[in-house]
Amino acid sequence: MIPASVRTTSDAKVAAGVRLMLALVFLMTGPMKLLVPRLAEAWSGQLIAAGLPFYALTRWSVPFVELSLGIVLAFGFYVRPAAIIVMGIMAVATYVHIIVDDPSLFPLQPSEPVIPLIVILMSAYILFRGAGAWSLDSRATRSAN
């Protein structure tokens, strides 16, 4: 059972803004890895070049996990567990950016791990602050009080 304190949050608008920016990132990146041919090739190439295990499973599951995280973050529902998952995914993305030395495999971002590190920082903020305003977690916090 997940403790109720996991959903505790304030009506902070900054936290909501950070959460919604993260949601937008994952609502875009997940589907793009499946639907945009150039980006799907780059995503596949990153996985192969980094030598990550379970290529087929990772290639197809991570975009759906990212889309799901985007939905969870957009609604602000159990945001803290989602932030931990995001941080795990971005830790692997940071590793990929460091290991892979082919800039053509990073068509919409720098080959340095700038974006994954920013996303980790944003997720850490949400982990400590909660979902913020306009979230289902905020609604649950208000009704519990």
N, C-alpha and C. Protein backbone atom coordinates (compact mmCIF):
# COMPACT_ATOMS: atom_id res chain seq x y z
N MET A 1 0.84 -1.18 0.00
CA MET A 1 0.00 0.00 0.00
C MET A 1 0.89 1.24 0.00
N ILE A 2 0.58 2.18 -0.84
CA ILE A 2 1.33 3.43 -0.94
C ILE A 2 0.77 4.41 0.10
N PRO A 3 1.64 4.98 0.95
CA PRO A 3 1.15 5.92 1.96
C PRO A 3 0.56 7.18 1.33
N ALA A 4 -0.43 7.74 2.01
CA ALA A 4 -1.10 8.95 1.50
C ALA A 4 -0.13 10.12 1.39
N SER A 5 0.93 10.12 2.19
CA SER A 5 1.87 11.24 2.15
C SER A 5 2.59 11.36 0.81
N VAL A 6 2.58 10.30 0.01
CA VAL A 6 3.20 10.34 -1.31
C VAL A 6 2.50 11.36 -2.20
N ARG A 7 1.21 11.55 -1.97
CA ARG A 7 0.44 12.48 -2.80
C ARG A 7 0.34 13.88 -2.20
N THR A 8 0.81 14.07 -0.98
CA THR A 8 0.71 15.37 -0.32
C THR A 8 1.46 16.43 -1.11
N THR A 9 0.78 17.52 -1.35
CA THR A 9 1.38 18.62 -2.10
C THR A 9 0.70 19.93 -1.72
N SER A 10 1.30 21.01 -2.09
CA SER A 10 0.68 22.32 -1.90
C SER A 10 0.08 22.75 -3.23
N ASP A 11 -0.48 23.93 -3.24
CA ASP A 11 -1.01 24.48 -4.49
C ASP A 11 0.02 25.38 -5.17
N ALA A 12 1.29 25.02 -5.05
CA ALA A 12 2.37 25.82 -5.62
C ALA A 12 2.29 25.83 -7.14
N LYS A 13 2.24 27.00 -7.71
CA LYS A 13 2.14 27.13 -9.16
C LYS A 13 3.48 26.85 -9.85
N VAL A 14 4.60 27.10 -9.18
CA VAL A 14 5.91 26.80 -9.76
C VAL A 14 6.04 25.28 -9.94
N ALA A 15 5.67 24.54 -8.90
CA ALA A 15 5.73 23.08 -9.00
C ALA A 15 4.82 22.59 -10.12
N ALA A 16 3.65 23.19 -10.24
CA ALA A 16 2.73 22.81 -11.32
C ALA A 16 3.34 23.10 -12.68
N GLY A 17 3.99 24.26 -12.81
CA GLY A 17 4.63 24.61 -14.07
C GLY A 17 5.74 23.64 -14.45
N VAL A 18 6.56 23.27 -13.47
CA VAL A 18 7.64 22.31 -13.72
C VAL A 18 7.04 20.96 -14.12
N ARG A 19 6.01 20.53 -13.38
CA ARG A 19 5.34 19.26 -13.69
C ARG A 19 4.76 19.25 -15.09
N LEU A 20 4.12 20.34 -15.47
CA LEU A 20 3.49 20.40 -16.79
C LEU A 20 4.53 20.46 -17.91
N MET A 21 5.67 21.12 -17.65
CA MET A 21 6.75 21.10 -18.66
C MET A 21 7.30 19.69 -18.84
N LEU A 22 7.47 18.97 -17.73
CA LEU A 22 7.92 17.58 -17.82
C LEU A 22 6.90 16.73 -18.57
N ALA A 23 5.62 16.96 -18.28
CA ALA A 23 4.57 16.22 -18.97
C ALA A 23 4.66 16.45 -20.47
N LEU A 24 4.84 17.69 -20.87
CA LEU A 24 4.95 18.01 -22.29
C LEU A 24 6.13 17.30 -22.94
N VAL A 25 7.27 17.28 -22.25
CA VAL A 25 8.45 16.60 -22.77
C VAL A 25 8.14 15.14 -23.06
N PHE A 26 7.52 14.46 -22.11
CA PHE A 26 7.27 13.03 -22.28
C PHE A 26 6.08 12.73 -23.19
N LEU A 27 5.12 13.63 -23.24
CA LEU A 27 4.02 13.45 -24.19
C LEU A 27 4.50 13.58 -25.63
N MET A 28 5.61 14.29 -25.82
CA MET A 28 6.17 14.44 -27.17
C MET A 28 7.20 13.34 -27.46
N THR A 29 8.14 13.10 -26.56
CA THR A 29 9.25 12.19 -26.88
C THR A 29 8.82 10.75 -27.03
N GLY A 30 7.88 10.29 -26.22
CA GLY A 30 7.43 8.91 -26.35
C GLY A 30 6.88 8.60 -27.74
N PRO A 31 5.84 9.31 -28.17
CA PRO A 31 5.29 9.05 -29.51
C PRO A 31 6.28 9.32 -30.64
N MET A 32 7.14 10.33 -30.50
CA MET A 32 8.09 10.64 -31.57
C MET A 32 9.04 9.47 -31.81
N LYS A 33 9.40 8.74 -30.76
CA LYS A 33 10.30 7.59 -30.91
C LYS A 33 9.65 6.46 -31.69
N LEU A 34 8.33 6.50 -31.80
CA LEU A 34 7.61 5.47 -32.55
C LEU A 34 7.14 5.95 -33.91
N LEU A 35 6.75 7.21 -34.01
CA LEU A 35 6.02 7.68 -35.19
C LEU A 35 6.83 8.52 -36.18
N VAL A 36 7.94 9.10 -35.75
CA VAL A 36 8.75 9.92 -36.64
C VAL A 36 9.94 9.08 -37.11
N PRO A 37 9.94 8.68 -38.39
CA PRO A 37 10.96 7.73 -38.85
C PRO A 37 12.40 8.11 -38.52
N ARG A 38 12.78 9.36 -38.74
CA ARG A 38 14.16 9.78 -38.46
C ARG A 38 14.50 9.63 -36.99
N LEU A 39 13.55 9.98 -36.12
CA LEU A 39 13.78 9.89 -34.69
C LEU A 39 13.73 8.44 -34.20
N ALA A 40 12.89 7.64 -34.82
CA ALA A 40 12.84 6.21 -34.48
C ALA A 40 14.16 5.54 -34.83
N GLU A 41 14.74 5.90 -35.98
CA GLU A 41 16.06 5.36 -36.36
C GLU A 41 17.13 5.81 -35.38
N ALA A 42 17.11 7.08 -35.01
CA ALA A 42 18.10 7.60 -34.07
C ALA A 42 17.98 6.91 -32.71
N TRP A 43 16.76 6.73 -32.24
CA TRP A 43 16.49 6.05 -30.97
C TRP A 43 17.03 4.62 -31.01
N SER A 44 16.75 3.93 -32.08
CA SER A 44 17.24 2.56 -32.26
C SER A 44 18.77 2.55 -32.30
N GLY A 45 19.35 3.48 -33.04
CA GLY A 45 20.81 3.57 -33.14
C GLY A 45 21.47 3.87 -31.81
N GLN A 46 20.82 4.71 -30.99
CA GLN A 46 21.37 5.01 -29.66
C GLN A 46 21.43 3.75 -28.81
N LEU A 47 20.36 2.98 -28.84
CA LEU A 47 20.32 1.75 -28.03
C LEU A 47 21.39 0.76 -28.46
N ILE A 48 21.55 0.61 -29.77
CA ILE A 48 22.55 -0.33 -30.29
C ILE A 48 23.96 0.17 -29.98
N ALA A 49 24.22 1.46 -30.24
CA ALA A 49 25.56 2.02 -30.01
C ALA A 49 25.95 1.97 -28.54
N ALA A 50 24.99 2.12 -27.64
CA ALA A 50 25.29 2.09 -26.21
C ALA A 50 25.42 0.67 -25.69
N GLY A 51 24.98 -0.30 -26.47
CA GLY A 51 25.08 -1.70 -26.06
C GLY A 51 24.16 -2.05 -24.90
N LEU A 52 23.02 -1.37 -24.84
CA LEU A 52 22.08 -1.66 -23.76
C LEU A 52 21.44 -3.03 -23.95
N PRO A 53 21.20 -3.76 -22.87
CA PRO A 53 20.59 -5.09 -23.00
C PRO A 53 19.11 -5.00 -23.35
N PHE A 54 18.56 -6.11 -23.79
CA PHE A 54 17.12 -6.22 -24.10
C PHE A 54 16.68 -5.19 -25.13
N TYR A 55 17.42 -5.12 -26.23
CA TYR A 55 17.17 -4.11 -27.25
C TYR A 55 15.70 -4.04 -27.67
N ALA A 56 15.13 -5.16 -28.08
CA ALA A 56 13.75 -5.14 -28.61
C ALA A 56 12.76 -4.68 -27.55
N LEU A 57 12.92 -5.17 -26.34
CA LEU A 57 12.02 -4.77 -25.26
C LEU A 57 12.14 -3.26 -24.99
N THR A 58 13.36 -2.79 -24.89
CA THR A 58 13.60 -1.37 -24.63
C THR A 58 13.11 -0.50 -25.77
N ARG A 59 13.41 -0.92 -26.99
CA ARG A 59 13.06 -0.15 -28.19
C ARG A 59 11.56 0.14 -28.26
N TRP A 60 10.75 -0.84 -27.86
CA TRP A 60 9.31 -0.68 -27.99
C TRP A 60 8.62 -0.27 -26.70
N SER A 61 9.16 -0.63 -25.54
CA SER A 61 8.46 -0.33 -24.29
C SER A 61 8.72 1.08 -23.77
N VAL A 62 9.94 1.56 -23.90
CA VAL A 62 10.27 2.88 -23.33
C VAL A 62 9.39 3.99 -23.91
N PRO A 63 9.12 4.04 -25.21
CA PRO A 63 8.23 5.10 -25.70
C PRO A 63 6.84 5.05 -25.07
N PHE A 64 6.32 3.85 -24.81
CA PHE A 64 5.01 3.75 -24.16
C PHE A 64 5.08 4.15 -22.69
N VAL A 65 6.18 3.81 -22.03
CA VAL A 65 6.39 4.23 -20.64
C VAL A 65 6.48 5.75 -20.59
N GLU A 66 7.22 6.36 -21.53
CA GLU A 66 7.33 7.81 -21.56
C GLU A 66 5.98 8.48 -21.80
N LEU A 67 5.20 7.94 -22.70
CA LEU A 67 3.86 8.48 -22.95
C LEU A 67 3.01 8.37 -21.69
N SER A 68 3.08 7.23 -21.02
CA SER A 68 2.32 7.04 -19.78
C SER A 68 2.76 8.03 -18.70
N LEU A 69 4.07 8.24 -18.59
CA LEU A 69 4.58 9.22 -17.63
C LEU A 69 4.07 10.62 -17.97
N GLY A 70 4.02 10.95 -19.25
CA GLY A 70 3.50 12.25 -19.67
C GLY A 70 2.05 12.44 -19.23
N ILE A 71 1.26 11.40 -19.36
CA ILE A 71 -0.16 11.47 -18.96
C ILE A 71 -0.27 11.62 -17.45
N VAL A 72 0.49 10.80 -16.71
CA VAL A 72 0.48 10.86 -15.24
C VAL A 72 0.90 12.25 -14.76
N LEU A 73 1.96 12.78 -15.35
CA LEU A 73 2.44 14.11 -14.96
C LEU A 73 1.43 15.20 -15.35
N ALA A 74 0.81 15.08 -16.49
CA ALA A 74 -0.16 16.08 -16.93
C ALA A 74 -1.34 16.17 -15.96
N PHE A 75 -1.82 15.02 -15.51
CA PHE A 75 -2.94 15.01 -14.57
C PHE A 75 -2.50 15.24 -13.13
N GLY A 76 -1.20 15.07 -12.86
CA GLY A 76 -0.70 15.26 -11.50
C GLY A 76 -1.16 14.17 -10.56
N PHE A 77 -1.08 12.94 -10.99
CA PHE A 77 -1.58 11.79 -10.24
C PHE A 77 -0.40 10.92 -9.82
N TYR A 78 -0.14 10.83 -8.51
CA TYR A 78 1.02 10.10 -7.98
C TYR A 78 2.31 10.55 -8.68
N VAL A 79 2.55 11.82 -8.58
CA VAL A 79 3.67 12.45 -9.29
C VAL A 79 5.02 12.04 -8.70
N ARG A 80 5.10 11.84 -7.41
CA ARG A 80 6.40 11.48 -6.82
C ARG A 80 6.92 10.14 -7.33
N PRO A 81 6.12 9.08 -7.35
CA PRO A 81 6.63 7.83 -7.95
C PRO A 81 6.99 8.01 -9.42
N ALA A 82 6.21 8.82 -10.15
CA ALA A 82 6.52 9.08 -11.56
C ALA A 82 7.86 9.79 -11.68
N ALA A 83 8.15 10.73 -10.77
CA ALA A 83 9.41 11.46 -10.82
C ALA A 83 10.59 10.52 -10.61
N ILE A 84 10.43 9.53 -9.75
CA ILE A 84 11.50 8.55 -9.53
C ILE A 84 11.74 7.73 -10.79
N ILE A 85 10.68 7.34 -11.47
CA ILE A 85 10.82 6.59 -12.72
C ILE A 85 11.49 7.45 -13.78
N VAL A 86 11.08 8.71 -13.87
CA VAL A 86 11.69 9.64 -14.83
C VAL A 86 13.19 9.76 -14.56
N MET A 87 13.57 9.87 -13.29
CA MET A 87 14.98 10.01 -12.95
C MET A 87 15.76 8.76 -13.37
N GLY A 88 15.17 7.59 -13.22
CA GLY A 88 15.82 6.36 -13.67
C GLY A 88 16.02 6.34 -15.17
N ILE A 89 14.98 6.69 -15.91
CA ILE A 89 15.07 6.72 -17.37
C ILE A 89 16.13 7.74 -17.81
N MET A 90 16.14 8.89 -17.17
CA MET A 90 17.09 9.94 -17.55
C MET A 90 18.53 9.60 -17.12
N ALA A 91 18.69 8.79 -16.08
CA ALA A 91 20.04 8.32 -15.72
C ALA A 91 20.59 7.45 -16.84
N VAL A 92 19.74 6.57 -17.40
CA VAL A 92 20.16 5.74 -18.53
C VAL A 92 20.41 6.63 -19.75
N ALA A 93 19.56 7.63 -19.97
CA ALA A 93 19.75 8.55 -21.10
C ALA A 93 21.07 9.30 -20.96
N THR A 94 21.43 9.69 -19.75
CA THR A 94 22.71 10.36 -19.52
C THR A 94 23.86 9.43 -19.89
N TYR A 95 23.76 8.18 -19.47
CA TYR A 95 24.78 7.18 -19.82
C TYR A 95 24.90 7.05 -21.34
N VAL A 96 23.77 6.97 -22.02
CA VAL A 96 23.77 6.84 -23.49
C VAL A 96 24.46 8.04 -24.12
N HIS A 97 24.15 9.23 -23.64
CA HIS A 97 24.77 10.44 -24.18
C HIS A 97 26.28 10.44 -23.98
N ILE A 98 26.73 9.91 -22.86
CA ILE A 98 28.16 9.87 -22.57
C ILE A 98 28.87 8.81 -23.40
N ILE A 99 28.25 7.65 -23.58
CA ILE A 99 28.87 6.50 -24.27
C ILE A 99 28.85 6.65 -25.79
N VAL A 100 27.74 7.09 -26.33
CA VAL A 100 27.56 7.16 -27.79
C VAL A 100 28.25 8.41 -28.31
N ASP A 101 29.16 8.22 -29.28
CA ASP A 101 29.91 9.37 -29.80
C ASP A 101 29.55 9.72 -31.24
N ASP A 102 28.36 9.34 -31.66
CA ASP A 102 27.89 9.64 -33.01
C ASP A 102 26.83 10.74 -32.94
N PRO A 103 27.17 11.99 -33.24
CA PRO A 103 26.21 13.09 -33.13
C PRO A 103 24.98 12.92 -34.01
N SER A 104 25.07 12.14 -35.08
CA SER A 104 23.90 11.94 -35.94
C SER A 104 22.79 11.17 -35.23
N LEU A 105 23.11 10.51 -34.13
CA LEU A 105 22.11 9.76 -33.38
C LEU A 105 21.34 10.65 -32.40
N PHE A 106 21.67 11.93 -32.36
CA PHE A 106 20.98 12.89 -31.49
C PHE A 106 20.49 14.07 -32.34
N PRO A 107 19.51 13.82 -33.23
CA PRO A 107 19.13 14.85 -34.21
C PRO A 107 18.48 16.10 -33.64
N LEU A 108 17.78 16.02 -32.53
CA LEU A 108 17.08 17.19 -32.00
C LEU A 108 17.65 17.71 -30.69
N GLN A 109 18.83 17.25 -30.34
CA GLN A 109 19.41 17.67 -29.07
C GLN A 109 20.92 17.58 -29.13
N PRO A 110 21.60 18.24 -28.20
CA PRO A 110 23.06 18.13 -28.19
C PRO A 110 23.48 16.71 -27.81
N SER A 111 24.63 16.29 -28.28
CA SER A 111 25.09 14.95 -27.93
C SER A 111 25.57 14.88 -26.48
N GLU A 112 25.84 16.02 -25.86
CA GLU A 112 26.13 16.03 -24.43
C GLU A 112 24.83 15.83 -23.66
N PRO A 113 24.89 15.30 -22.45
CA PRO A 113 23.66 14.96 -21.72
C PRO A 113 22.97 16.16 -21.05
N VAL A 114 22.87 17.26 -21.75
CA VAL A 114 22.28 18.48 -21.19
C VAL A 114 20.80 18.26 -20.86
N ILE A 115 20.03 17.79 -21.81
CA ILE A 115 18.59 17.64 -21.60
C ILE A 115 18.29 16.60 -20.53
N PRO A 116 18.90 15.40 -20.57
CA PRO A 116 18.62 14.45 -19.48
C PRO A 116 18.94 15.00 -18.10
N LEU A 117 20.02 15.75 -17.97
CA LEU A 117 20.39 16.30 -16.67
C LEU A 117 19.39 17.37 -16.21
N ILE A 118 18.90 18.19 -17.13
CA ILE A 118 17.88 19.18 -16.78
C ILE A 118 16.60 18.48 -16.34
N VAL A 119 16.23 17.43 -17.06
CA VAL A 119 15.02 16.67 -16.71
C VAL A 119 15.17 16.02 -15.33
N ILE A 120 16.36 15.52 -15.01
CA ILE A 120 16.61 14.95 -13.68
C ILE A 120 16.42 16.02 -12.61
N LEU A 121 16.95 17.21 -12.85
CA LEU A 121 16.80 18.29 -11.87
C LEU A 121 15.33 18.69 -11.70
N MET A 122 14.61 18.77 -12.80
CA MET A 122 13.18 19.10 -12.72
C MET A 122 12.42 18.01 -11.96
N SER A 123 12.77 16.76 -12.21
CA SER A 123 12.11 15.64 -11.53
C SER A 123 12.42 15.65 -10.04
N ALA A 124 13.66 16.00 -9.69
CA ALA A 124 14.04 16.08 -8.27
C ALA A 124 13.21 17.17 -7.58
N TYR A 125 13.00 18.28 -8.27
CA TYR A 125 12.18 19.35 -7.71
C TYR A 125 10.76 18.84 -7.43
N ILE A 126 10.18 18.14 -8.38
CA ILE A 126 8.83 17.59 -8.22
C ILE A 126 8.80 16.53 -7.13
N LEU A 127 9.86 15.74 -7.04
CA LEU A 127 9.94 14.70 -6.01
C LEU A 127 9.83 15.33 -4.62
N PHE A 128 10.50 16.46 -4.42
CA PHE A 128 10.49 17.10 -3.11
C PHE A 128 9.29 18.02 -2.89
N ARG A 129 8.81 18.67 -3.93
CA ARG A 129 7.72 19.65 -3.78
C ARG A 129 6.34 19.05 -4.00
N GLY A 130 6.25 17.99 -4.77
CA GLY A 130 4.94 17.43 -5.08
C GLY A 130 4.42 17.98 -6.39
N ALA A 131 3.20 17.62 -6.71
CA ALA A 131 2.60 17.94 -8.00
C ALA A 131 2.23 19.41 -8.16
N GLY A 132 1.94 20.08 -7.07
CA GLY A 132 1.57 21.50 -7.14
C GLY A 132 0.13 21.71 -7.55
N ALA A 133 -0.16 22.92 -7.95
CA ALA A 133 -1.52 23.33 -8.31
C ALA A 133 -2.04 22.55 -9.51
N TRP A 134 -3.33 22.58 -9.67
CA TRP A 134 -4.02 21.99 -10.83
C TRP A 134 -3.71 20.50 -11.00
N SER A 135 -3.58 19.78 -9.90
CA SER A 135 -3.25 18.36 -9.99
C SER A 135 -4.25 17.52 -9.20
N LEU A 136 -4.33 16.26 -9.56
CA LEU A 136 -5.18 15.34 -8.79
C LEU A 136 -4.59 15.12 -7.40
N ASP A 137 -3.27 15.17 -7.28
CA ASP A 137 -2.65 15.06 -5.96
C ASP A 137 -3.04 16.23 -5.08
N SER A 138 -3.11 17.43 -5.64
CA SER A 138 -3.52 18.61 -4.88
C SER A 138 -4.97 18.47 -4.44
N ARG A 139 -5.81 17.99 -5.31
CA ARG A 139 -7.21 17.77 -4.97
C ARG A 139 -7.34 16.76 -3.84
N ALA A 140 -6.54 15.68 -3.90
CA ALA A 140 -6.57 14.67 -2.84
C ALA A 140 -6.06 15.23 -1.53
N THR A 141 -5.04 16.09 -1.58
CA THR A 141 -4.51 16.72 -0.37
C THR A 141 -5.56 17.61 0.28
N ARG A 142 -6.26 18.40 -0.54
CA ARG A 142 -7.30 19.29 0.01
C ARG A 142 -8.43 18.50 0.63
N SER A 143 -8.85 17.41 -0.01
CA SER A 143 -9.97 16.64 0.53
C SER A 143 -9.58 15.86 1.78
N ALA A 144 -8.27 15.53 1.93
CA ALA A 144 -7.81 14.84 3.13
C ALA A 144 -7.75 15.78 4.32
N ASN A 145 -7.56 17.07 4.04
CA ASN A 145 -7.50 18.07 5.13
C ASN A 145 -8.87 18.55 5.40
